[in-house]
Amino acid sequence: MAMAMRGSRGYHYNWNIPPRHMKLTAQRCGLGSDIDRMMEELLERTDSVADTVQGMLPADFPQELARDVLTGLRTSAGRMKASME
């Protein structure tokens, strides 16, 4: 997910969305306090989901691409978890 921000040369994308922004958006969408539980569950499942995806990739899938994407996913989850503590 990315938030586009208008810059002097068009739109720039910010991939670091603070949890408080996600919570505010969730509240505006009617999720209320469920968002805390949902975010915690998402973070708890990230590693196992990444492992499952890795195992489902075809043998000829570029391993460097898979490694980079899944490492980025895990890194983002770690950052989110740290910012929620």
C-alpha atoms as a PDB file:
ATOM      1  CA  MET A   1       0.000   0.000   0.000  1.00  0.00           C
ATOM      2  CA  ALA A   2       1.297   3.466  -0.790  1.00  0.00           C
ATOM      3  CA  MET A   3       0.154   6.978  -0.064  1.00  0.00           C
ATOM      4  CA  ALA A   4       0.756   9.414  -2.900  1.00  0.00           C
ATOM      5  CA  MET A   5       1.944  12.848  -1.929  1.00  0.00           C
ATOM      6  CA  ARG A   6       2.010  15.760  -4.307  1.00  0.00           C
ATOM      7  CA  GLY A   7       5.529  17.066  -4.782  1.00  0.00           C
ATOM      8  CA  SER A   8       7.076  19.720  -6.970  1.00  0.00           C
ATOM      9  CA  ARG A   9       7.602  17.171  -9.755  1.00  0.00           C
ATOM     10  CA  GLY A  10       4.345  15.269  -9.568  1.00  0.00           C
ATOM     11  CA  TYR A  11       3.392  12.521  -7.182  1.00  0.00           C
ATOM     12  CA  HIS A  12       5.771  10.790  -4.824  1.00  0.00           C
ATOM     13  CA  TYR A  13       4.915   7.625  -2.993  1.00  0.00           C
ATOM     14  CA  ASN A  14       5.534   6.978   0.671  1.00  0.00           C
ATOM     15  CA  TRP A  15       5.742   3.304   1.581  1.00  0.00           C
ATOM     16  CA  ASN A  16       6.104   4.025   5.298  1.00  0.00           C
ATOM     17  CA  ILE A  17       2.561   4.555   6.494  1.00  0.00           C
ATOM     18  CA  PRO A  18       2.477   5.007  10.274  1.00  0.00           C
ATOM     19  CA  PRO A  19       0.121   2.656  12.143  1.00  0.00           C
ATOM     20  CA  ARG A  20      -1.775   5.662  13.496  1.00  0.00           C
ATOM     21  CA  HIS A  21      -2.793   6.546   9.917  1.00  0.00           C
ATOM     22  CA  MET A  22      -3.978   2.995   9.320  1.00  0.00           C
ATOM     23  CA  LYS A  23      -5.971   3.111  12.547  1.00  0.00           C
ATOM     24  CA  LEU A  24      -7.572   6.423  11.626  1.00  0.00           C
ATOM     25  CA  THR A  25      -8.526   5.126   8.184  1.00  0.00           C
ATOM     26  CA  ALA A  26      -9.930   1.931   9.721  1.00  0.00           C
ATOM     27  CA  GLN A  27     -12.034   3.936  12.161  1.00  0.00           C
ATOM     28  CA  ARG A  28     -13.383   6.059   9.318  1.00  0.00           C
ATOM     29  CA  CYS A  29     -14.314   2.815   7.531  1.00  0.00           C
ATOM     30  CA  GLY A  30     -16.219   1.556  10.555  1.00  0.00           C
ATOM     31  CA  LEU A  31     -13.728  -1.016  11.843  1.00  0.00           C
ATOM     32  CA  GLY A  32     -13.339   0.740  15.185  1.00  0.00           C
ATOM     33  CA  SER A  33     -11.237  -1.048  17.778  1.00  0.00           C
ATOM     34  CA  ASP A  34     -11.012  -4.236  15.655  1.00  0.00           C
ATOM     35  CA  ILE A  35      -8.082  -2.703  13.791  1.00  0.00           C
ATOM     36  CA  ASP A  36      -5.666  -3.273  16.689  1.00  0.00           C
ATOM     37  CA  ARG A  37      -6.454  -6.985  16.755  1.00  0.00           C
ATOM     38  CA  MET A  38      -6.310  -7.187  12.962  1.00  0.00           C
ATOM     39  CA  MET A  39      -2.912  -5.480  12.782  1.00  0.00           C
ATOM     40  CA  GLU A  40      -1.489  -7.715  15.505  1.00  0.00           C
ATOM     41  CA  GLU A  41      -2.734 -10.814  13.690  1.00  0.00           C
ATOM     42  CA  LEU A  42      -1.288  -9.558  10.422  1.00  0.00           C
ATOM     43  CA  LEU A  43       2.109  -9.062  12.032  1.00  0.00           C
ATOM     44  CA  GLU A  44       2.013 -12.443  13.771  1.00  0.00           C
ATOM     45  CA  ARG A  45       1.280 -14.237  10.500  1.00  0.00           C
ATOM     46  CA  THR A  46       3.748 -12.394   8.257  1.00  0.00           C
ATOM     47  CA  ASP A  47       6.649 -14.851   8.599  1.00  0.00           C
ATOM     48  CA  SER A  48       4.539 -17.958   8.051  1.00  0.00           C
ATOM     49  CA  VAL A  49       2.775 -16.398   5.062  1.00  0.00           C
ATOM     50  CA  ALA A  50       6.121 -15.385   3.527  1.00  0.00           C
ATOM     51  CA  ASP A  51       7.399 -18.945   4.047  1.00  0.00           C
ATOM     52  CA  THR A  52       4.248 -20.373   2.442  1.00  0.00           C
ATOM     53  CA  VAL A  53       4.555 -18.066  -0.557  1.00  0.00           C
ATOM     54  CA  GLN A  54       8.236 -18.991  -0.948  1.00  0.00           C
ATOM     55  CA  GLY A  55       7.268 -22.655  -0.990  1.00  0.00           C
ATOM     56  CA  MET A  56       4.560 -22.104  -3.619  1.00  0.00           C
ATOM     57  CA  LEU A  57       6.756 -20.309  -6.143  1.00  0.00           C
ATOM     58  CA  PRO A  58       7.596 -22.235  -9.292  1.00  0.00           C
ATOM     59  CA  ALA A  59      11.135 -23.591  -9.549  1.00  0.00           C
ATOM     60  CA  ASP A  60      11.970 -21.188 -12.364  1.00  0.00           C
ATOM     61  CA  PHE A  61      10.826 -18.096 -10.430  1.00  0.00           C
ATOM     62  CA  PRO A  62      13.721 -15.627 -10.014  1.00  0.00           C
ATOM     63  CA  GLN A  63      15.014 -16.380  -6.514  1.00  0.00           C
ATOM     64  CA  GLU A  64      16.645 -12.973  -6.113  1.00  0.00           C
ATOM     65  CA  LEU A  65      13.304 -11.266  -6.767  1.00  0.00           C
ATOM     66  CA  ALA A  66      11.484 -13.548  -4.326  1.00  0.00           C
ATOM     67  CA  ARG A  67      14.151 -12.984  -1.677  1.00  0.00           C
ATOM     68  CA  ASP A  68      14.019  -9.201  -2.074  1.00  0.00           C
ATOM     69  CA  VAL A  69      10.217  -8.986  -1.968  1.00  0.00           C
ATOM     70  CA  LEU A  70       9.804 -11.344   0.986  1.00  0.00           C
ATOM     71  CA  THR A  71      12.657  -9.725   2.901  1.00  0.00           C
ATOM     72  CA  GLY A  72      11.022  -6.340   2.303  1.00  0.00           C
ATOM     73  CA  LEU A  73       7.718  -7.694   3.599  1.00  0.00           C
ATOM     74  CA  ARG A  74       9.350  -9.016   6.756  1.00  0.00           C
ATOM     75  CA  THR A  75      11.297  -5.787   7.266  1.00  0.00           C
ATOM     76  CA  SER A  76       8.160  -3.677   6.902  1.00  0.00           C
ATOM     77  CA  ALA A  77       6.300  -5.892   9.366  1.00  0.00           C
ATOM     78  CA  GLY A  78       9.158  -5.544  11.846  1.00  0.00           C
ATOM     79  CA  ARG A  79       9.107  -1.771  11.536  1.00  0.00           C
ATOM     80  CA  MET A  80       5.367  -1.655  11.994  1.00  0.00           C
ATOM     81  CA  LYS A  81       5.558  -3.878  15.055  1.00  0.00           C
ATOM     82  CA  ALA A  82       8.289  -1.685  16.583  1.00  0.00           C
ATOM     83  CA  SER A  83       6.286   1.468  15.967  1.00  0.00           C
ATOM     84  CA  MET A  84       3.230  -0.039  17.666  1.00  0.00           C
ATOM     85  CA  GLU A  85       5.084  -0.834  20.912  1.00  0.00           C
END
